Amino acid sequence: MDLDLDKPLVYVGIGARDTPLEQVKGSTRVYPIRRIESLAQTLAEHRWVLRTGLARGADQAFHRGAIKGGGRYELYLPWPAFELGARDRVTESVVMEQPTLDAFLLAQAIHPNWPRVGLRARPLHARNGHEVLGQELDDPADLVICWVANGSRDGIGRDSGGTGQALRIAAAKGIPVLNIARDDDVEVIQQLLGKRA
């Protein structure tokens, strides 16, 4: 992975809404939500900028960690009232309260079965384009870090859920993806940071 670690990097921090608090892997217990918060805090302390969509589970864990680390972050929402309870309405930096038409067109082009996506879910898929590619869809993130139970990095397969859309966009744009449900990807992140995340 070729990243310029001497400059602040922009990463997308996303994942499943049902990311567990605790999980057993073999004979070991892991704590995905705690791991995400700790990682996001460390990344914030290293001046990495978070982009996320603030969905329950992994997205909100990334958000909390970035705040704890005093880092910058950008929120891309599917509609203005989305997850109001998870936001600090006084100081929160919401970059976009809803996706643009171009983001909907990108979602339609990337999603493997757009006609079957319900009207309520379409803005959720469309905002993924902004998370990965920025406000104008012309500023790609340096890296996507996610938690998807099946270990996917490319969003292929039904088990990737809504996060799969962002992973498919990243794959189409050549943006590296690390899935922290995979121990080997956790090791890569730790090596990037030069310490345990």
C-alpha atoms as a PDB file:
ATOM      1  CA  MET A   1       0.000   0.000   0.000  1.00  0.00           C
ATOM      2  CA  ASP A   2       1.538   3.250  -1.157  1.00  0.00           C
ATOM      3  CA  LEU A   3       0.396   6.074   1.139  1.00  0.00           C
ATOM      4  CA  ASP A   4       2.235   9.313   1.895  1.00  0.00           C
ATOM      5  CA  LEU A   5       2.268   9.123   5.690  1.00  0.00           C
ATOM      6  CA  ASP A   6       3.957  12.520   6.006  1.00  0.00           C
ATOM      7  CA  LYS A   7       0.733  14.360   5.220  1.00  0.00           C
ATOM      8  CA  PRO A   8      -2.743  14.257   6.744  1.00  0.00           C
ATOM      9  CA  LEU A   9      -4.647  11.513   4.976  1.00  0.00           C
ATOM     10  CA  VAL A  10      -8.369  11.265   4.333  1.00  0.00           C
ATOM     11  CA  TYR A  11      -9.965   7.935   5.128  1.00  0.00           C
ATOM     12  CA  VAL A  12     -13.492   6.598   4.963  1.00  0.00           C
ATOM     13  CA  GLY A  13     -14.542   4.913   8.210  1.00  0.00           C
ATOM     14  CA  ILE A  14     -17.643   2.790   7.671  1.00  0.00           C
ATOM     15  CA  GLY A  15     -19.152  -0.574   8.387  1.00  0.00           C
ATOM     16  CA  ALA A  16     -22.113  -2.694   9.267  1.00  0.00           C
ATOM     17  CA  ARG A  17     -24.911  -1.340  11.407  1.00  0.00           C
ATOM     18  CA  ASP A  18     -24.815  -4.618  13.315  1.00  0.00           C
ATOM     19  CA  THR A  19     -21.094  -4.452  14.110  1.00  0.00           C
ATOM     20  CA  PRO A  20     -20.931  -6.359  17.411  1.00  0.00           C
ATOM     21  CA  LEU A  21     -19.724  -5.065  20.735  1.00  0.00           C
ATOM     22  CA  GLU A  22     -18.105  -8.436  21.358  1.00  0.00           C
ATOM     23  CA  GLN A  23     -17.211 -11.367  19.112  1.00  0.00           C
ATOM     24  CA  VAL A  24     -15.540 -14.725  19.634  1.00  0.00           C
ATOM     25  CA  LYS A  25     -12.905 -15.711  17.053  1.00  0.00           C
ATOM     26  CA  GLY A  26     -11.643 -19.193  17.838  1.00  0.00           C
ATOM     27  CA  SER A  27     -10.641 -19.023  21.481  1.00  0.00           C
ATOM     28  CA  THR A  28     -10.189 -15.245  21.483  1.00  0.00           C
ATOM     29  CA  ARG A  29     -12.680 -12.514  22.305  1.00  0.00           C
ATOM     30  CA  VAL A  30     -12.480  -9.363  20.222  1.00  0.00           C
ATOM     31  CA  TYR A  31     -14.383  -6.131  20.651  1.00  0.00           C
ATOM     32  CA  PRO A  32     -15.036  -4.612  17.207  1.00  0.00           C
ATOM     33  CA  ILE A  33     -16.771  -1.406  18.341  1.00  0.00           C
ATOM     34  CA  ARG A  34     -14.065  -0.679  20.918  1.00  0.00           C
ATOM     35  CA  ARG A  35     -11.371  -1.505  18.329  1.00  0.00           C
ATOM     36  CA  ILE A  36     -12.950   0.914  15.831  1.00  0.00           C
ATOM     37  CA  GLU A  37     -13.201   3.743  18.373  1.00  0.00           C
ATOM     38  CA  SER A  38      -9.593   3.233  19.468  1.00  0.00           C
ATOM     39  CA  LEU A  39      -8.364   3.101  15.878  1.00  0.00           C
ATOM     40  CA  ALA A  40     -10.305   6.242  14.900  1.00  0.00           C
ATOM     41  CA  GLN A  41      -8.907   8.069  17.932  1.00  0.00           C
ATOM     42  CA  THR A  42      -5.364   7.061  16.977  1.00  0.00           C
ATOM     43  CA  LEU A  43      -5.912   8.081  13.354  1.00  0.00           C
ATOM     44  CA  ALA A  44      -7.262  11.462  14.511  1.00  0.00           C
ATOM     45  CA  GLU A  45      -4.169  11.937  16.662  1.00  0.00           C
ATOM     46  CA  HIS A  46      -2.100  11.239  13.513  1.00  0.00           C
ATOM     47  CA  ARG A  47      -4.075  14.023  11.728  1.00  0.00           C
ATOM     48  CA  TRP A  48      -6.052  11.667   9.496  1.00  0.00           C
ATOM     49  CA  VAL A  49      -9.394  13.141   8.408  1.00  0.00           C
ATOM     50  CA  LEU A  50     -12.449  10.880   8.729  1.00  0.00           C
ATOM     51  CA  ARG A  51     -15.311  10.725   6.243  1.00  0.00           C
ATOM     52  CA  THR A  52     -18.335   8.764   7.403  1.00  0.00           C
ATOM     53  CA  GLY A  53     -22.089   8.499   7.021  1.00  0.00           C
ATOM     54  CA  LEU A  54     -23.006   8.273  10.729  1.00  0.00           C
ATOM     55  CA  ALA A  55     -25.073   5.092  10.507  1.00  0.00           C
ATOM     56  CA  ARG A  56     -25.463   3.117  13.730  1.00  0.00           C
ATOM     57  CA  GLY A  57     -22.724   0.633  14.533  1.00  0.00           C
ATOM     58  CA  ALA A  58     -19.327   1.052  12.897  1.00  0.00           C
ATOM     59  CA  ASP A  59     -19.895   4.541  11.397  1.00  0.00           C
ATOM     60  CA  GLN A  60     -20.830   6.025  14.762  1.00  0.00           C
ATOM     61  CA  ALA A  61     -17.895   4.251  16.442  1.00  0.00           C
ATOM     62  CA  PHE A  62     -15.499   5.850  13.932  1.00  0.00           C
ATOM     63  CA  HIS A  63     -17.171   9.207  14.588  1.00  0.00           C
ATOM     64  CA  ARG A  64     -16.850   8.911  18.388  1.00  0.00           C
ATOM     65  CA  GLY A  65     -13.193   7.917  18.078  1.00  0.00           C
ATOM     66  CA  ALA A  66     -12.387  10.857  15.811  1.00  0.00           C
ATOM     67  CA  ILE A  67     -13.983  13.226  18.313  1.00  0.00           C
ATOM     68  CA  LYS A  68     -12.036  11.671  21.206  1.00  0.00           C
ATOM     69  CA  GLY A  69      -8.811  12.094  19.232  1.00  0.00           C
ATOM     70  CA  GLY A  70      -9.576  15.737  18.475  1.00  0.00           C
ATOM     71  CA  GLY A  71      -9.529  15.015  14.760  1.00  0.00           C
ATOM     72  CA  ARG A  72     -11.254  16.494  11.761  1.00  0.00           C
ATOM     73  CA  TYR A  73     -14.128  14.643  10.200  1.00  0.00           C
ATOM     74  CA  GLU A  74     -16.715  15.065   7.480  1.00  0.00           C
ATOM     75  CA  LEU A  75     -20.253  13.722   7.733  1.00  0.00           C
ATOM     76  CA  TYR A  76     -22.182  12.761   4.612  1.00  0.00           C
ATOM     77  CA  LEU A  77     -25.846  12.122   5.346  1.00  0.00           C
ATOM     78  CA  PRO A  78     -28.653  10.605   3.287  1.00  0.00           C
ATOM     79  CA  TRP A  79     -31.197  13.184   4.564  1.00  0.00           C
ATOM     80  CA  PRO A  80     -31.058  16.157   6.969  1.00  0.00           C
ATOM     81  CA  ALA A  81     -32.614  14.534  10.064  1.00  0.00           C
ATOM     82  CA  PHE A  82     -30.551  11.325   9.804  1.00  0.00           C
ATOM     83  CA  GLU A  83     -29.309  10.089  13.213  1.00  0.00           C
ATOM     84  CA  LEU A  84     -29.858  13.417  14.967  1.00  0.00           C
ATOM     85  CA  GLY A  85     -29.357  11.739  18.337  1.00  0.00           C
ATOM     86  CA  ALA A  86     -25.787  10.793  17.429  1.00  0.00           C
ATOM     87  CA  ARG A  87     -24.831  14.347  16.480  1.00  0.00           C
ATOM     88  CA  ASP A  88     -23.802  17.364  18.474  1.00  0.00           C
ATOM     89  CA  ARG A  89     -26.116  19.853  16.812  1.00  0.00           C
ATOM     90  CA  VAL A  90     -24.159  22.820  18.161  1.00  0.00           C
ATOM     91  CA  THR A  91     -20.652  22.016  16.949  1.00  0.00           C
ATOM     92  CA  GLU A  92     -21.122  19.198  14.440  1.00  0.00           C
ATOM     93  CA  SER A  93     -19.549  19.601  11.027  1.00  0.00           C
ATOM     94  CA  VAL A  94     -22.054  18.133   8.586  1.00  0.00           C
ATOM     95  CA  VAL A  95     -20.561  18.483   5.147  1.00  0.00           C
ATOM     96  CA  MET A  96     -23.595  17.325   3.206  1.00  0.00           C
ATOM     97  CA  GLU A  97     -27.115  16.750   4.461  1.00  0.00           C
ATOM     98  CA  GLN A  98     -28.163  14.820   1.372  1.00  0.00           C
ATOM     99  CA  PRO A  99     -26.505  13.353  -1.710  1.00  0.00           C
ATOM    100  CA  THR A 100     -26.377  15.180  -5.025  1.00  0.00           C
ATOM    101  CA  LEU A 101     -28.027  13.999  -8.216  1.00  0.00           C
ATOM    102  CA  ASP A 102     -24.590  12.947  -9.486  1.00  0.00           C
ATOM    103  CA  ALA A 103     -24.183  10.733  -6.418  1.00  0.00           C
ATOM    104  CA  PHE A 104     -27.494   9.028  -7.221  1.00  0.00           C
ATOM    105  CA  LEU A 105     -26.336   8.453 -10.796  1.00  0.00           C
ATOM    106  CA  LEU A 106     -23.063   6.978  -9.524  1.00  0.00           C
ATOM    107  CA  ALA A 107     -24.963   4.716  -7.115  1.00  0.00           C
ATOM    108  CA  GLN A 108     -27.185   3.522  -9.940  1.00  0.00           C
ATOM    109  CA  ALA A 109     -24.150   2.778 -12.124  1.00  0.00           C
ATOM    110  CA  ILE A 110     -22.246   0.896  -9.397  1.00  0.00           C
ATOM    111  CA  HIS A 111     -25.006  -1.013  -7.594  1.00  0.00           C
ATOM    112  CA  PRO A 112     -25.443  -4.550  -8.972  1.00  0.00           C
ATOM    113  CA  ASN A 113     -29.256  -4.410  -8.813  1.00  0.00           C
ATOM    114  CA  TRP A 114     -30.370  -0.787  -8.503  1.00  0.00           C
ATOM    115  CA  PRO A 115     -34.002  -1.394  -9.605  1.00  0.00           C
ATOM    116  CA  ARG A 116     -34.507  -3.566  -6.506  1.00  0.00           C
ATOM    117  CA  VAL A 117     -33.182  -0.903  -4.116  1.00  0.00           C
ATOM    118  CA  GLY A 118     -36.118   0.707  -2.308  1.00  0.00           C
ATOM    119  CA  LEU A 119     -36.718   4.448  -2.458  1.00  0.00           C
ATOM    120  CA  ARG A 120     -35.843   4.869   1.241  1.00  0.00           C
ATOM    121  CA  ALA A 121     -32.510   3.033   0.797  1.00  0.00           C
ATOM    122  CA  ARG A 122     -31.397   4.886  -2.336  1.00  0.00           C
ATOM    123  CA  PRO A 123     -30.151   8.015  -0.508  1.00  0.00           C
ATOM    124  CA  LEU A 124     -28.156   5.749   1.830  1.00  0.00           C
ATOM    125  CA  HIS A 125     -26.422   4.168  -1.160  1.00  0.00           C
ATOM    126  CA  ALA A 126     -25.960   7.520  -2.924  1.00  0.00           C
ATOM    127  CA  ARG A 127     -24.248   9.199   0.041  1.00  0.00           C
ATOM    128  CA  ASN A 128     -21.596   6.440  -0.096  1.00  0.00           C
ATOM    129  CA  GLY A 129     -20.290   8.110  -3.245  1.00  0.00           C
ATOM    130  CA  HIS A 130     -19.625  11.297  -1.304  1.00  0.00           C
ATOM    131  CA  GLU A 131     -17.979   9.412   1.546  1.00  0.00           C
ATOM    132  CA  VAL A 132     -15.517   7.819  -0.866  1.00  0.00           C
ATOM    133  CA  LEU A 133     -15.132  10.652  -3.400  1.00  0.00           C
ATOM    134  CA  GLY A 134     -15.923  13.852  -1.474  1.00  0.00           C
ATOM    135  CA  GLN A 135     -18.432  16.651  -1.955  1.00  0.00           C
ATOM    136  CA  GLU A 136     -17.998  17.043  -5.694  1.00  0.00           C
ATOM    137  CA  LEU A 137     -17.175  13.355  -6.304  1.00  0.00           C
ATOM    138  CA  ASP A 138     -13.719  14.427  -7.495  1.00  0.00           C
ATOM    139  CA  ASP A 139     -11.639  14.137  -4.301  1.00  0.00           C
ATOM    140  CA  PRO A 140     -11.041  10.430  -3.606  1.00  0.00           C
ATOM    141  CA  ALA A 141     -10.165   9.329  -0.094  1.00  0.00           C
ATOM    142  CA  ASP A 142      -6.709   7.842   0.422  1.00  0.00           C
ATOM    143  CA  LEU A 143      -8.048   4.708   2.098  1.00  0.00           C
ATOM    144  CA  VAL A 144     -11.264   2.995   3.176  1.00  0.00           C
ATOM    145  CA  ILE A 145     -11.298   1.274   6.560  1.00  0.00           C
ATOM    146  CA  CYS A 146     -14.380  -0.789   7.250  1.00  0.00           C
ATOM    147  CA  TRP A 147     -15.874  -3.528   9.371  1.00  0.00           C
ATOM    148  CA  VAL A 148     -17.885  -6.066   7.386  1.00  0.00           C
ATOM    149  CA  ALA A 149     -18.350  -9.485   8.974  1.00  0.00           C
ATOM    150  CA  ASN A 150     -17.594 -11.458   5.802  1.00  0.00           C
ATOM    151  CA  GLY A 151     -14.152  -9.819   5.460  1.00  0.00           C
ATOM    152  CA  SER A 152     -15.016  -8.267   2.087  1.00  0.00           C
ATOM    153  CA  ARG A 153     -12.796  -5.567   0.634  1.00  0.00           C
ATOM    154  CA  ASP A 154     -14.658  -5.186  -2.660  1.00  0.00           C
ATOM    155  CA  GLY A 155     -18.345  -5.269  -1.693  1.00  0.00           C
ATOM    156  CA  ILE A 156     -19.052  -8.365  -3.739  1.00  0.00           C
ATOM    157  CA  GLY A 157     -21.610 -10.657  -2.161  1.00  0.00           C
ATOM    158  CA  ARG A 158     -24.867 -10.099  -0.358  1.00  0.00           C
ATOM    159  CA  ASP A 159     -23.292 -10.213   3.092  1.00  0.00           C
ATOM    160  CA  SER A 160     -21.566  -6.867   2.540  1.00  0.00           C
ATOM    161  CA  GLY A 161     -24.826  -4.989   3.095  1.00  0.00           C
ATOM    162  CA  GLY A 162     -24.965  -1.242   2.523  1.00  0.00           C
ATOM    163  CA  THR A 163     -21.242  -0.905   3.184  1.00  0.00           C
ATOM    164  CA  GLY A 164     -20.703  -2.997   0.056  1.00  0.00           C
ATOM    165  CA  GLN A 165     -21.756  -0.030  -2.098  1.00  0.00           C
ATOM    166  CA  ALA A 166     -18.899   2.107  -0.746  1.00  0.00           C
ATOM    167  CA  LEU A 167     -16.494  -0.809  -1.190  1.00  0.00           C
ATOM    168  CA  ARG A 168     -17.589  -1.257  -4.817  1.00  0.00           C
ATOM    169  CA  ILE A 169     -17.015   2.453  -5.472  1.00  0.00           C
ATOM    170  CA  ALA A 170     -13.569   2.241  -3.858  1.00  0.00           C
ATOM    171  CA  ALA A 171     -12.726  -0.814  -5.967  1.00  0.00           C
ATOM    172  CA  ALA A 172     -13.882   0.942  -9.147  1.00  0.00           C
ATOM    173  CA  LYS A 173     -11.687   3.972  -8.312  1.00  0.00           C
ATOM    174  CA  GLY A 174      -8.634   1.975  -7.193  1.00  0.00           C
ATOM    175  CA  ILE A 175      -8.821   3.130  -3.561  1.00  0.00           C
ATOM    176  CA  PRO A 176      -7.321   0.610  -1.111  1.00  0.00           C
ATOM    177  CA  VAL A 177      -9.661  -0.987   1.412  1.00  0.00           C
ATOM    178  CA  LEU A 178      -8.797  -2.551   4.754  1.00  0.00           C
ATOM    179  CA  ASN A 179     -11.458  -4.549   6.580  1.00  0.00           C
ATOM    180  CA  ILE A 180     -10.766  -4.710  10.294  1.00  0.00           C
ATOM    181  CA  ALA A 181     -12.865  -7.839  10.596  1.00  0.00           C
ATOM    182  CA  ARG A 182      -9.731  -9.437   9.084  1.00  0.00           C
ATOM    183  CA  ASP A 183      -6.747  -9.879  11.400  1.00  0.00           C
ATOM    184  CA  ASP A 184      -4.301  -9.435   8.496  1.00  0.00           C
ATOM    185  CA  ASP A 185      -5.807  -6.021   7.705  1.00  0.00           C
ATOM    186  CA  VAL A 186      -5.567  -4.977  11.361  1.00  0.00           C
ATOM    187  CA  GLU A 187      -1.849  -5.815  11.176  1.00  0.00           C
ATOM    188  CA  VAL A 188      -1.475  -3.636   8.055  1.00  0.00           C
ATOM    189  CA  ILE A 189      -3.082  -0.698   9.866  1.00  0.00           C
ATOM    190  CA  GLN A 190      -0.822  -1.215  12.857  1.00  0.00           C
ATOM    191  CA  GLN A 191       2.207  -1.221  10.556  1.00  0.00           C
ATOM    192  CA  LEU A 192       0.972   1.978   8.865  1.00  0.00           C
ATOM    193  CA  LEU A 193       0.747   3.697  12.209  1.00  0.00           C
ATOM    194  CA  GLY A 194       3.938   2.197  13.554  1.00  0.00           C
ATOM    195  CA  LYS A 195       2.221   1.012  16.702  1.00  0.00           C
ATOM    196  CA  ARG A 196      -0.701  -1.056  17.938  1.00  0.00           C
ATOM    197  CA  ALA A 197      -4.085   0.390  16.977  1.00  0.00           C
END
